Every structure is written in C-alpha cells, then in structure tokens.
Full PDB file with SEQRES, HELIX, SHEET, SSBOND, CRYST1, ORIGX, SCALE, CONECT and MASTER records, all heavy atoms in Angstrom:
SEQRES   1 A   43  LEU ALA GLU ALA ASP ARG ARG THR LEU PRO CYS TYR LEU          
SEQRES   2 A   43  GLU ASN SER ASN PRO ILE ASN THR GLY PHE TYR ASN ALA          
SEQRES   3 A   43  HIS GLY PHE ARG THR ILE GLU LYS PHE SER CYS GLY GLU          
SEQRES   4 A   43  GLY ALA PRO PRO                                              
HELIX    1 AA1 ALA A    2  ARG A    6  1                                   5    
HELIX    2 AA2 PRO A   18  ASN A   20  5                                   3    
HELIX    3 AA3 THR A   21  ALA A   26  1                                   6    
CRYST1    1.000    1.000    1.000  90.00  90.00  90.00 P 1           1          
ORIGX1      1.000000  0.000000  0.000000        0.00000                         
ORIGX2      0.000000  1.000000  0.000000        0.00000                         
ORIGX3      0.000000  0.000000  1.000000        0.00000                         
SCALE1      1.000000  0.000000  0.000000        0.00000                         
SCALE2      0.000000  1.000000  0.000000        0.00000                         
SCALE3      0.000000  0.000000  1.000000        0.00000                         
ATOM      1  N   LEU A   1      92.130  83.941 124.335  1.00  0.00           N  
ATOM      2  CA  LEU A   1      92.461  82.536 124.552  1.00  0.00           C  
ATOM      3  C   LEU A   1      93.133  82.345 125.910  1.00  0.00           C  
ATOM      4  O   LEU A   1      92.891  81.344 126.599  1.00  0.00           O  
ATOM      5  CB  LEU A   1      93.356  82.015 123.428  1.00  0.00           C  
ATOM      6  CG  LEU A   1      92.737  81.986 122.032  1.00  0.00           C  
ATOM      7  CD1 LEU A   1      93.706  81.354 121.035  1.00  0.00           C  
ATOM      8  CD2 LEU A   1      91.399  81.259 122.020  1.00  0.00           C  
ATOM      9  N   ALA A   2      93.954  83.306 126.303  1.00  0.00           N  
ATOM     10  CA  ALA A   2      94.570  83.244 127.629  1.00  0.00           C  
ATOM     11  C   ALA A   2      93.507  83.328 128.721  1.00  0.00           C  
ATOM     12  O   ALA A   2      93.575  82.627 129.737  1.00  0.00           O  
ATOM     13  CB  ALA A   2      95.596  84.365 127.792  1.00  0.00           C  
ATOM     14  N   GLU A   3      92.501  84.178 128.515  1.00  0.00           N  
ATOM     15  CA  GLU A   3      91.407  84.296 129.480  1.00  0.00           C  
ATOM     16  C   GLU A   3      90.586  83.014 129.517  1.00  0.00           C  
ATOM     17  O   GLU A   3      90.154  82.568 130.590  1.00  0.00           O  
ATOM     18  CB  GLU A   3      90.516  85.482 129.111  1.00  0.00           C  
ATOM     19  CG  GLU A   3      89.290  85.671 129.985  1.00  0.00           C  
ATOM     20  CD  GLU A   3      89.606  86.061 131.415  1.00  0.00           C  
ATOM     21  OE1 GLU A   3      90.794  86.316 131.727  1.00  0.00           O  
ATOM     22  OE2 GLU A   3      88.667  86.125 132.237  1.00  0.00           O  
ATOM     23  N   ALA A   4      90.359  82.412 128.351  1.00  0.00           N  
ATOM     24  CA  ALA A   4      89.634  81.140 128.311  1.00  0.00           C  
ATOM     25  C   ALA A   4      90.376  80.074 129.107  1.00  0.00           C  
ATOM     26  O   ALA A   4      89.767  79.305 129.869  1.00  0.00           O  
ATOM     27  CB  ALA A   4      89.454  80.689 126.861  1.00  0.00           C  
ATOM     28  N   ASP A   5      91.685  80.029 128.969  1.00  0.00           N  
ATOM     29  CA  ASP A   5      92.470  79.049 129.718  1.00  0.00           C  
ATOM     30  C   ASP A   5      92.458  79.356 131.211  1.00  0.00           C  
ATOM     31  O   ASP A   5      92.371  78.447 132.044  1.00  0.00           O  
ATOM     32  CB  ASP A   5      93.909  79.020 129.195  1.00  0.00           C  
ATOM     33  CG  ASP A   5      94.013  78.436 127.794  1.00  0.00           C  
ATOM     34  OD1 ASP A   5      93.092  77.694 127.398  1.00  0.00           O  
ATOM     35  OD2 ASP A   5      95.001  78.725 127.104  1.00  0.00           O  
ATOM     36  N   ARG A   6      92.530  80.626 131.558  1.00  0.00           N  
ATOM     37  CA  ARG A   6      92.504  81.004 132.971  1.00  0.00           C  
ATOM     38  C   ARG A   6      91.201  80.561 133.612  1.00  0.00           C  
ATOM     39  O   ARG A   6      91.185  80.116 134.766  1.00  0.00           O  
ATOM     40  CB  ARG A   6      92.683  82.519 133.111  1.00  0.00           C  
ATOM     41  CG  ARG A   6      92.825  82.994 134.555  1.00  0.00           C  
ATOM     42  CD  ARG A   6      92.830  84.506 134.654  1.00  0.00           C  
ATOM     43  NE  ARG A   6      91.524  85.080 134.366  1.00  0.00           N  
ATOM     44  CZ  ARG A   6      90.529  85.148 135.262  1.00  0.00           C  
ATOM     45  NH1 ARG A   6      90.678  84.645 136.478  1.00  0.00           N  
ATOM     46  NH2 ARG A   6      89.370  85.699 134.927  1.00  0.00           N  
ATOM     47  N   ARG A   7      90.104  80.670 132.866  1.00  0.00           N  
ATOM     48  CA  ARG A   7      88.789  80.309 133.396  1.00  0.00           C  
ATOM     49  C   ARG A   7      88.389  78.876 133.050  1.00  0.00           C  
ATOM     50  O   ARG A   7      87.273  78.466 133.319  1.00  0.00           O  
ATOM     51  CB  ARG A   7      87.738  81.281 132.847  1.00  0.00           C  
ATOM     52  CG  ARG A   7      87.944  82.718 133.309  1.00  0.00           C  
ATOM     53  CD  ARG A   7      86.929  83.651 132.678  1.00  0.00           C  
ATOM     54  NE  ARG A   7      85.553  83.255 132.967  1.00  0.00           N  
ATOM     55  CZ  ARG A   7      84.478  83.792 132.394  1.00  0.00           C  
ATOM     56  NH1 ARG A   7      84.627  84.725 131.469  1.00  0.00           N  
ATOM     57  NH2 ARG A   7      83.270  83.379 132.705  1.00  0.00           N  
ATOM     58  N   THR A   8      89.310  78.138 132.446  1.00  0.00           N  
ATOM     59  CA  THR A   8      89.068  76.752 131.988  1.00  0.00           C  
ATOM     60  C   THR A   8      87.796  76.660 131.152  1.00  0.00           C  
ATOM     61  O   THR A   8      86.982  75.762 131.325  1.00  0.00           O  
ATOM     62  CB  THR A   8      89.017  75.751 133.163  1.00  0.00           C  
ATOM     63  OG1 THR A   8      87.919  76.050 134.032  1.00  0.00           O  
ATOM     64  CG2 THR A   8      90.304  75.764 133.953  1.00  0.00           C  
ATOM     65  N   LEU A   9      87.663  77.585 130.209  1.00  0.00           N  
ATOM     66  CA  LEU A   9      86.529  77.603 129.298  1.00  0.00           C  
ATOM     67  C   LEU A   9      86.968  77.177 127.900  1.00  0.00           C  
ATOM     68  O   LEU A   9      88.005  77.640 127.402  1.00  0.00           O  
ATOM     69  CB  LEU A   9      85.924  79.001 129.207  1.00  0.00           C  
ATOM     70  CG  LEU A   9      85.021  79.463 130.341  1.00  0.00           C  
ATOM     71  CD1 LEU A   9      84.677  80.941 130.151  1.00  0.00           C  
ATOM     72  CD2 LEU A   9      83.747  78.625 130.387  1.00  0.00           C  
ATOM     73  N   PRO A  10      86.190  76.340 127.233  1.00  0.00           N  
ATOM     74  CA  PRO A  10      86.451  76.049 125.823  1.00  0.00           C  
ATOM     75  C   PRO A  10      86.017  77.211 124.949  1.00  0.00           C  
ATOM     76  O   PRO A  10      85.298  78.116 125.397  1.00  0.00           O  
ATOM     77  CB  PRO A  10      85.612  74.800 125.558  1.00  0.00           C  
ATOM     78  CG  PRO A  10      84.477  74.911 126.524  1.00  0.00           C  
ATOM     79  CD  PRO A  10      85.037  75.587 127.753  1.00  0.00           C  
ATOM     80  N   CYS A  11      86.442  77.175 123.695  1.00  0.00           N  
ATOM     81  CA  CYS A  11      86.058  78.200 122.725  1.00  0.00           C  
ATOM     82  C   CYS A  11      85.465  77.530 121.487  1.00  0.00           C  
ATOM     83  O   CYS A  11      85.831  76.405 121.139  1.00  0.00           O  
ATOM     84  CB  CYS A  11      87.264  79.039 122.301  1.00  0.00           C  
ATOM     85  SG  CYS A  11      88.062  79.946 123.635  1.00  0.00           S  
ATOM     86  N   TYR A  12      84.576  78.265 120.826  1.00  0.00           N  
ATOM     87  CA  TYR A  12      83.888  77.728 119.648  1.00  0.00           C  
ATOM     88  C   TYR A  12      83.813  78.801 118.569  1.00  0.00           C  
ATOM     89  O   TYR A  12      83.712  79.999 118.861  1.00  0.00           O  
ATOM     90  CB  TYR A  12      82.472  77.297 120.038  1.00  0.00           C  
ATOM     91  CG  TYR A  12      81.604  76.845 118.886  1.00  0.00           C  
ATOM     92  CD1 TYR A  12      81.810  75.621 118.258  1.00  0.00           C  
ATOM     93  CD2 TYR A  12      80.569  77.658 118.419  1.00  0.00           C  
ATOM     94  CE1 TYR A  12      81.003  75.211 117.195  1.00  0.00           C  
ATOM     95  CE2 TYR A  12      79.757  77.251 117.368  1.00  0.00           C  
ATOM     96  CZ  TYR A  12      79.979  76.025 116.759  1.00  0.00           C  
ATOM     97  OH  TYR A  12      79.177  75.619 115.717  1.00  0.00           O  
ATOM     98  N   LEU A  13      83.866  78.375 117.315  1.00  0.00           N  
ATOM     99  CA  LEU A  13      83.674  79.267 116.181  1.00  0.00           C  
ATOM    100  C   LEU A  13      83.132  78.486 114.994  1.00  0.00           C  
ATOM    101  O   LEU A  13      83.226  77.256 114.952  1.00  0.00           O  
ATOM    102  CB  LEU A  13      84.979  79.979 115.801  1.00  0.00           C  
ATOM    103  CG  LEU A  13      86.171  79.112 115.343  1.00  0.00           C  
ATOM    104  CD1 LEU A  13      86.121  78.834 113.830  1.00  0.00           C  
ATOM    105  CD2 LEU A  13      87.492  79.800 115.694  1.00  0.00           C  
ATOM    106  N   GLU A  14      82.558  79.211 114.040  1.00  0.00           N  
ATOM    107  CA  GLU A  14      82.201  78.642 112.751  1.00  0.00           C  
ATOM    108  C   GLU A  14      83.106  79.258 111.692  1.00  0.00           C  
ATOM    109  O   GLU A  14      83.022  80.452 111.426  1.00  0.00           O  
ATOM    110  CB  GLU A  14      80.741  78.921 112.389  1.00  0.00           C  
ATOM    111  CG  GLU A  14      79.722  78.357 113.361  1.00  0.00           C  
ATOM    112  CD  GLU A  14      79.020  79.426 114.171  1.00  0.00           C  
ATOM    113  OE1 GLU A  14      79.446  80.603 114.078  1.00  0.00           O  
ATOM    114  OE2 GLU A  14      78.078  79.096 114.907  1.00  0.00           O  
ATOM    115  N   ASN A  15      83.955  78.440 111.125  1.00  0.00           N  
ATOM    116  CA  ASN A  15      84.871  78.904 110.090  1.00  0.00           C  
ATOM    117  C   ASN A  15      84.157  78.858 108.744  1.00  0.00           C  
ATOM    118  O   ASN A  15      83.754  77.798 108.279  1.00  0.00           O  
ATOM    119  CB  ASN A  15      86.121  78.015 110.069  1.00  0.00           C  
ATOM    120  CG  ASN A  15      87.092  78.411 108.973  1.00  0.00           C  
ATOM    121  OD1 ASN A  15      87.083  79.543 108.488  1.00  0.00           O  
ATOM    122  ND2 ASN A  15      87.929  77.473 108.569  1.00  0.00           N  
ATOM    123  N   SER A  16      84.006  80.020 108.120  1.00  0.00           N  
ATOM    124  CA  SER A  16      83.265  80.105 106.863  1.00  0.00           C  
ATOM    125  C   SER A  16      84.168  80.159 105.638  1.00  0.00           C  
ATOM    126  O   SER A  16      83.680  80.321 104.516  1.00  0.00           O  
ATOM    127  CB  SER A  16      82.354  81.341 106.882  1.00  0.00           C  
ATOM    128  OG  SER A  16      83.095  82.506 107.200  1.00  0.00           O  
ATOM    129  N   ASN A  17      85.473  80.023 105.841  1.00  0.00           N  
ATOM    130  CA  ASN A  17      86.413  80.059 104.716  1.00  0.00           C  
ATOM    131  C   ASN A  17      87.540  79.055 104.962  1.00  0.00           C  
ATOM    132  O   ASN A  17      88.312  79.213 105.915  1.00  0.00           O  
ATOM    133  CB  ASN A  17      86.996  81.461 104.547  1.00  0.00           C  
ATOM    134  CG  ASN A  17      87.696  81.635 103.212  1.00  0.00           C  
ATOM    135  OD1 ASN A  17      88.182  80.666 102.632  1.00  0.00           O  
ATOM    136  ND2 ASN A  17      87.749  82.852 102.730  1.00  0.00           N  
ATOM    137  N   PRO A  18      87.655  78.004 104.147  1.00  0.00           N  
ATOM    138  CA  PRO A  18      88.645  76.961 104.414  1.00  0.00           C  
ATOM    139  C   PRO A  18      90.092  77.436 104.418  1.00  0.00           C  
ATOM    140  O   PRO A  18      90.952  76.764 105.001  1.00  0.00           O  
ATOM    141  CB  PRO A  18      88.399  75.940 103.287  1.00  0.00           C  
ATOM    142  CG  PRO A  18      87.633  76.673 102.233  1.00  0.00           C  
ATOM    143  CD  PRO A  18      86.823  77.697 102.961  1.00  0.00           C  
ATOM    144  N   ILE A  19      90.377  78.589 103.826  1.00  0.00           N  
ATOM    145  CA  ILE A  19      91.761  79.057 103.838  1.00  0.00           C  
ATOM    146  C   ILE A  19      92.204  79.452 105.249  1.00  0.00           C  
ATOM    147  O   ILE A  19      93.402  79.596 105.517  1.00  0.00           O  
ATOM    148  CB  ILE A  19      91.991  80.238 102.874  1.00  0.00           C  
ATOM    149  CG1 ILE A  19      91.220  81.481 103.328  1.00  0.00           C  
ATOM    150  CG2 ILE A  19      91.613  79.853 101.462  1.00  0.00           C  
ATOM    151  CD1 ILE A  19      91.554  82.723 102.504  1.00  0.00           C  
ATOM    152  N   ASN A  20      91.233  79.612 106.172  1.00  0.00           N  
ATOM    153  CA  ASN A  20      91.563  80.004 107.544  1.00  0.00           C  
ATOM    154  C   ASN A  20      91.698  78.810 108.495  1.00  0.00           C  
ATOM    155  O   ASN A  20      92.045  78.999 109.657  1.00  0.00           O  
ATOM    156  CB  ASN A  20      90.481  80.942 108.089  1.00  0.00           C  
ATOM    157  CG  ASN A  20      90.420  82.248 107.326  1.00  0.00           C  
ATOM    158  OD1 ASN A  20      91.439  82.773 106.901  1.00  0.00           O  
ATOM    159  ND2 ASN A  20      89.217  82.771 107.137  1.00  0.00           N  
ATOM    160  N   THR A  21      91.458  77.606 108.005  1.00  0.00           N  
ATOM    161  CA  THR A  21      91.497  76.436 108.890  1.00  0.00           C  
ATOM    162  C   THR A  21      92.854  76.278 109.559  1.00  0.00           C  
ATOM    163  O   THR A  21      92.939  76.031 110.761  1.00  0.00           O  
ATOM    164  CB  THR A  21      91.135  75.159 108.106  1.00  0.00           C  
ATOM    165  OG1 THR A  21      89.818  75.297 107.560  1.00  0.00           O  
ATOM    166  CG2 THR A  21      91.160  73.939 109.017  1.00  0.00           C  
ATOM    167  N   GLY A  22      93.910  76.432 108.805  1.00  0.00           N  
ATOM    168  CA  GLY A  22      95.256  76.285 109.360  1.00  0.00           C  
ATOM    169  C   GLY A  22      95.545  77.304 110.449  1.00  0.00           C  
ATOM    170  O   GLY A  22      96.194  76.977 111.453  1.00  0.00           O  
ATOM    171  N   PHE A  23      95.065  78.527 110.257  1.00  0.00           N  
ATOM    172  CA  PHE A  23      95.250  79.572 111.271  1.00  0.00           C  
ATOM    173  C   PHE A  23      94.597  79.163 112.583  1.00  0.00           C  
ATOM    174  O   PHE A  23      95.201  79.264 113.661  1.00  0.00           O  
ATOM    175  CB  PHE A  23      94.656  80.886 110.760  1.00  0.00           C  
ATOM    176  CG  PHE A  23      94.585  81.986 111.787  1.00  0.00           C  
ATOM    177  CD1 PHE A  23      95.714  82.697 112.131  1.00  0.00           C  
ATOM    178  CD2 PHE A  23      93.378  82.305 112.400  1.00  0.00           C  
ATOM    179  CE1 PHE A  23      95.649  83.723 113.078  1.00  0.00           C  
ATOM    180  CE2 PHE A  23      93.298  83.317 113.337  1.00  0.00           C  
ATOM    181  CZ  PHE A  23      94.441  84.034 113.678  1.00  0.00           C  
ATOM    182  N   TYR A  24      93.365  78.679 112.507  1.00  0.00           N  
ATOM    183  CA  TYR A  24      92.675  78.266 113.729  1.00  0.00           C  
ATOM    184  C   TYR A  24      93.306  77.011 114.335  1.00  0.00           C  
ATOM    185  O   TYR A  24      93.413  76.903 115.559  1.00  0.00           O  
ATOM    186  CB  TYR A  24      91.192  78.043 113.433  1.00  0.00           C  
ATOM    187  CG  TYR A  24      90.454  79.301 113.069  1.00  0.00           C  
ATOM    188  CD1 TYR A  24      89.729  79.378 111.874  1.00  0.00           C  
ATOM    189  CD2 TYR A  24      90.470  80.415 113.895  1.00  0.00           C  
ATOM    190  CE1 TYR A  24      89.040  80.543 111.542  1.00  0.00           C  
ATOM    191  CE2 TYR A  24      89.797  81.576 113.564  1.00  0.00           C  
ATOM    192  CZ  TYR A  24      89.086  81.630 112.377  1.00  0.00           C  
ATOM    193  OH  TYR A  24      88.411  82.781 112.049  1.00  0.00           O  
ATOM    194  N   ASN A  25      93.715  76.076 113.496  1.00  0.00           N  
ATOM    195  CA  ASN A  25      94.410  74.885 114.000  1.00  0.00           C  
ATOM    196  C   ASN A  25      95.647  75.267 114.799  1.00  0.00           C  
ATOM    197  O   ASN A  25      95.935  74.671 115.851  1.00  0.00           O  
ATOM    198  CB  ASN A  25      94.827  73.971 112.847  1.00  0.00           C  
ATOM    199  CG  ASN A  25      93.685  73.229 112.199  1.00  0.00           C  
ATOM    200  OD1 ASN A  25      93.782  72.794 111.054  1.00  0.00           O  
ATOM    201  ND2 ASN A  25      92.572  73.053 112.900  1.00  0.00           N  
ATOM    202  N   ALA A  26      96.373  76.264 114.317  1.00  0.00           N  
ATOM    203  CA  ALA A  26      97.605  76.693 114.987  1.00  0.00           C  
ATOM    204  C   ALA A  26      97.341  77.287 116.358  1.00  0.00           C  
ATOM    205  O   ALA A  26      98.256  77.373 117.185  1.00  0.00           O  
ATOM    206  CB  ALA A  26      98.338  77.713 114.115  1.00  0.00           C  
ATOM    207  N   HIS A  27      96.087  77.690 116.619  1.00  0.00           N  
ATOM    208  CA  HIS A  27      95.726  78.260 117.919  1.00  0.00           C  
ATOM    209  C   HIS A  27      94.889  77.299 118.753  1.00  0.00           C  
ATOM    210  O   HIS A  27      94.216  77.711 119.706  1.00  0.00           O  
ATOM    211  CB  HIS A  27      94.996  79.585 117.718  1.00  0.00           C  
ATOM    212  CG  HIS A  27      95.889  80.671 117.203  1.00  0.00           C  
ATOM    213  ND1 HIS A  27      96.101  80.881 115.856  1.00  0.00           N  
ATOM    214  CD2 HIS A  27      96.668  81.581 117.845  1.00  0.00           C  
ATOM    215  CE1 HIS A  27      96.950  81.886 115.700  1.00  0.00           C  
ATOM    216  NE2 HIS A  27      97.300  82.334 116.883  1.00  0.00           N  
ATOM    217  N   GLY A  28      94.938  76.031 118.398  1.00  0.00           N  
ATOM    218  CA  GLY A  28      94.332  75.009 119.244  1.00  0.00           C  
ATOM    219  C   GLY A  28      92.933  74.586 118.875  1.00  0.00           C  
ATOM    220  O   GLY A  28      92.347  73.747 119.564  1.00  0.00           O  
ATOM    221  N   PHE A  29      92.357  75.149 117.820  1.00  0.00           N  
ATOM    222  CA  PHE A  29      91.015  74.760 117.402  1.00  0.00           C  
ATOM    223  C   PHE A  29      91.074  73.502 116.533  1.00  0.00           C  
ATOM    224  O   PHE A  29      92.002  73.338 115.743  1.00  0.00           O  
ATOM    225  CB  PHE A  29      90.342  75.883 116.603  1.00  0.00           C  
ATOM    226  CG  PHE A  29      89.926  77.063 117.428  1.00  0.00           C  
ATOM    227  CD1 PHE A  29      90.797  78.117 117.656  1.00  0.00           C  
ATOM    228  CD2 PHE A  29      88.644  77.125 117.968  1.00  0.00           C  
ATOM    229  CE1 PHE A  29      90.411  79.217 118.416  1.00  0.00           C  
ATOM    230  CE2 PHE A  29      88.245  78.221 118.720  1.00  0.00           C  
ATOM    231  CZ  PHE A  29      89.136  79.263 118.951  1.00  0.00           C  
ATOM    232  N   ARG A  30      90.080  72.653 116.682  1.00  0.00           N  
ATOM    233  CA  ARG A  30      89.962  71.461 115.848  1.00  0.00           C  
ATOM    234  C   ARG A  30      88.552  71.402 115.267  1.00  0.00           C  
ATOM    235  O   ARG A  30      87.595  71.882 115.868  1.00  0.00           O  
ATOM    236  CB  ARG A  30      90.237  70.193 116.666  1.00  0.00           C  
ATOM    237  CG  ARG A  30      89.332  70.024 117.870  1.00  0.00           C  
ATOM    238  CD  ARG A  30      89.697  68.812 118.719  1.00  0.00           C  
ATOM    239  NE  ARG A  30      88.925  68.770 119.953  1.00  0.00           N  
ATOM    240  CZ  ARG A  30      87.715  68.259 120.066  1.00  0.00           C  
ATOM    241  NH1 ARG A  30      87.133  67.707 119.002  1.00  0.00           N  
ATOM    242  NH2 ARG A  30      87.069  68.259 121.226  1.00  0.00           N  
ATOM    243  N   THR A  31      88.444  70.802 114.112  1.00  0.00           N  
ATOM    244  CA  THR A  31      87.143  70.681 113.458  1.00  0.00           C  
ATOM    245  C   THR A  31      86.326  69.586 114.130  1.00  0.00           C  
ATOM    246  O   THR A  31      86.805  68.470 114.306  1.00  0.00           O  
ATOM    247  CB  THR A  31      87.326  70.341 111.973  1.00  0.00           C  
ATOM    248  OG1 THR A  31      88.130  71.353 111.360  1.00  0.00           O  
ATOM    249  CG2 THR A  31      85.981  70.255 111.261  1.00  0.00           C  
ATOM    250  N   ILE A  32      85.103  69.907 114.531  1.00  0.00           N  
ATOM    251  CA  ILE A  32      84.235  68.905 115.147  1.00  0.00           C  
ATOM    252  C   ILE A  32      83.127  68.460 114.200  1.00  0.00           C  
ATOM    253  O   ILE A  32      82.575  67.369 114.354  1.00  0.00           O  
ATOM    254  CB  ILE A  32      83.647  69.403 116.481  1.00  0.00           C  
ATOM    255  CG1 ILE A  32      82.927  70.751 116.326  1.00  0.00           C  
ATOM    256  CG2 ILE A  32      84.746  69.509 117.537  1.00  0.00           C  
ATOM    257  CD1 ILE A  32      82.229  71.226 117.597  1.00  0.00           C  
ATOM    258  N   GLU A  33      82.771  69.292 113.221  1.00  0.00           N  
ATOM    259  CA  GLU A  33      81.805  68.898 112.202  1.00  0.00           C  
ATOM    260  C   GLU A  33      81.778  69.963 111.119  1.00  0.00           C  
ATOM    261  O   GLU A  33      82.279  71.064 111.292  1.00  0.00           O  
ATOM    262  CB  GLU A  33      80.396  68.719 112.781  1.00  0.00           C  
ATOM    263  CG  GLU A  33      79.756  69.990 113.296  1.00  0.00           C  
ATOM    264  CD  GLU A  33      78.292  69.800 113.672  1.00  0.00           C  
ATOM    265  OE1 GLU A  33      77.602  68.973 113.041  1.00  0.00           O  
ATOM    266  OE2 GLU A  33      77.837  70.485 114.601  1.00  0.00           O  
ATOM    267  N   LYS A  34      81.185  69.606 109.983  1.00  0.00           N  
ATOM    268  CA  LYS A  34      80.889  70.567 108.928  1.00  0.00           C  
ATOM    269  C   LYS A  34      79.398  70.476 108.628  1.00  0.00           C  
ATOM    270  O   LYS A  34      78.839  69.388 108.589  1.00  0.00           O  
ATOM    271  CB  LYS A  34      81.711  70.282 107.674  1.00  0.00           C  
ATOM    272  CG  LYS A  34      83.212  70.495 107.866  1.00  0.00           C  
ATOM    273  CD  LYS A  34      83.970  70.273 106.565  1.00  0.00           C  
ATOM    274  CE  LYS A  34      85.470  70.502 106.773  1.00  0.00           C  
ATOM    275  NZ  LYS A  34      86.234  70.308 105.515  1.00  0.00           N  
ATOM    276  N   PHE A  35      78.782  71.633 108.464  1.00  0.00           N  
ATOM    277  CA  PHE A  35      77.354  71.636 108.186  1.00  0.00           C  
ATOM    278  C   PHE A  35      77.013  72.723 107.168  1.00  0.00           C  
ATOM    279  O   PHE A  35      77.796  73.649 106.942  1.00  0.00           O  
ATOM    280  CB  PHE A  35      76.532  71.802 109.470  1.00  0.00           C  
ATOM    281  CG  PHE A  35      76.733  73.115 110.190  1.00  0.00           C  
ATOM    282  CD1 PHE A  35      75.915  74.199 109.931  1.00  0.00           C  
ATOM    283  CD2 PHE A  35      77.726  73.249 111.165  1.00  0.00           C  
ATOM    284  CE1 PHE A  35      76.084  75.411 110.610  1.00  0.00           C  
ATOM    285  CE2 PHE A  35      77.899  74.450 111.847  1.00  0.00           C  
ATOM    286  CZ  PHE A  35      77.074  75.528 111.559  1.00  0.00           C  
ATOM    287  N   SER A  36      75.844  72.599 106.570  1.00  0.00           N  
ATOM    288  CA  SER A  36      75.413  73.505 105.519  1.00  0.00           C  
ATOM    289  C   SER A  36      74.365  74.476 106.040  1.00  0.00           C  
ATOM    290  O   SER A  36      73.554  74.138 106.895  1.00  0.00           O  
ATOM    291  CB  SER A  36      74.836  72.704 104.347  1.00  0.00           C  
ATOM    292  OG  SER A  36      74.272  73.573 103.378  1.00  0.00           O  
ATOM    293  N   CYS A  37      74.381  75.684 105.496  1.00  0.00           N  
ATOM    294  CA  CYS A  37      73.365  76.695 105.820  1.00  0.00           C  
ATOM    295  C   CYS A  37      72.150  76.598 104.906  1.00  0.00           C  
ATOM    296  O   CYS A  37      71.171  77.306 105.118  1.00  0.00           O  
ATOM    297  CB  CYS A  37      73.957  78.088 105.686  1.00  0.00           C  
ATOM    298  SG  CYS A  37      75.239  78.463 106.873  1.00  0.00           S  
ATOM    299  N   GLY A  38      72.210  75.760 103.909  1.00  0.00           N  
ATOM    300  CA  GLY A  38      71.107  75.643 102.967  1.00  0.00           C  
ATOM    301  C   GLY A  38      71.568  74.959 101.701  1.00  0.00           C  
ATOM    302  O   GLY A  38      72.766  74.736 101.490  1.00  0.00           O  
ATOM    303  N   GLU A  39      70.636  74.643 100.846  1.00  0.00           N  
ATOM    304  CA  GLU A  39      70.958  73.938  99.609  1.00  0.00           C  
ATOM    305  C   GLU A  39      71.898  74.766  98.736  1.00  0.00           C  
ATOM    306  O   GLU A  39      71.629  75.923  98.433  1.00  0.00           O  
ATOM    307  CB  GLU A  39      69.672  73.634  98.835  1.00  0.00           C  
ATOM    308  CG  GLU A  39      69.893  72.802  97.586  1.00  0.00           C  
ATOM    309  CD  GLU A  39      68.601  72.461  96.883  1.00  0.00           C  
ATOM    310  OE1 GLU A  39      67.525  72.770  97.432  1.00  0.00           O  
ATOM    311  OE2 GLU A  39      68.670  71.889  95.773  1.00  0.00           O  
ATOM    312  N   GLY A  40      73.026  74.172  98.378  1.00  0.00           N  
ATOM    313  CA  GLY A  40      74.000  74.849  97.538  1.00  0.00           C  
ATOM    314  C   GLY A  40      74.979  75.724  98.284  1.00  0.00           C  
ATOM    315  O   GLY A  40      75.872  76.329  97.667  1.00  0.00           O  
ATOM    316  N   ALA A  41      74.868  75.797  99.601  1.00  0.00           N  
ATOM    317  CA  ALA A  41      75.753  76.663 100.391  1.00  0.00           C  
ATOM    318  C   ALA A  41      77.111  76.011 100.606  1.00  0.00           C  
ATOM    319  O   ALA A  41      77.198  74.793 100.798  1.00  0.00           O  
ATOM    320  CB  ALA A  41      75.124  76.968 101.737  1.00  0.00           C  
ATOM    321  N   PRO A  42      78.195  76.791 100.618  1.00  0.00           N  
ATOM    322  CA  PRO A  42      79.483  76.252 101.050  1.00  0.00           C  
ATOM    323  C   PRO A  42      79.366  75.830 102.511  1.00  0.00           C  
ATOM    324  O   PRO A  42      78.586  76.401 103.274  1.00  0.00           O  
ATOM    325  CB  PRO A  42      80.438  77.445 100.903  1.00  0.00           C  
ATOM    326  CG  PRO A  42      79.725  78.411 100.016  1.00  0.00           C  
ATOM    327  CD  PRO A  42      78.269  78.210 100.264  1.00  0.00           C  
ATOM    328  N   PRO A  43      80.133  74.822 102.935  1.00  0.00           N  
ATOM    329  CA  PRO A  43      79.994  74.342 104.312  1.00  0.00           C  
ATOM    330  C   PRO A  43      80.564  75.313 105.339  1.00  0.00           C  
ATOM    331  O   PRO A  43      81.513  76.044 105.068  1.00  0.00           O  
ATOM    332  CB  PRO A  43      80.790  73.034 104.313  1.00  0.00           C  
ATOM    333  CG  PRO A  43      81.799  73.217 103.221  1.00  0.00           C  
ATOM    334  CD  PRO A  43      81.118  74.040 102.169  1.00  0.00           C  
TER     335      PRO A  43                                                      
MASTER        0    0    0    3    0    0    0    6  334    1    0    4          
END                                                                             
C-alpha cells in the first residue's frame, strides 16, 4: 500500500468473505459493487 501511494496507483481486490470487509475498510478500501459468479453463488 505504501508503494501504491508512492506511485499514485489505486488498488483493487475481490472480497469473497464478508467477515473481512472491516479489515479492508480499515486499510482504505471501499466497496464499489457486489456481483455474482453464478446462480446461487455468494456475492
């Protein structure tokens, strides 16, 4: 993350477990959308 800031680059991830949302929020990540991998899949 320090390198991303040094290079003024954004970062992206797909969070596959909602219990980790708070961890990522604490490091500056925000949710931009939720999407499905298929019928019946968790988002």
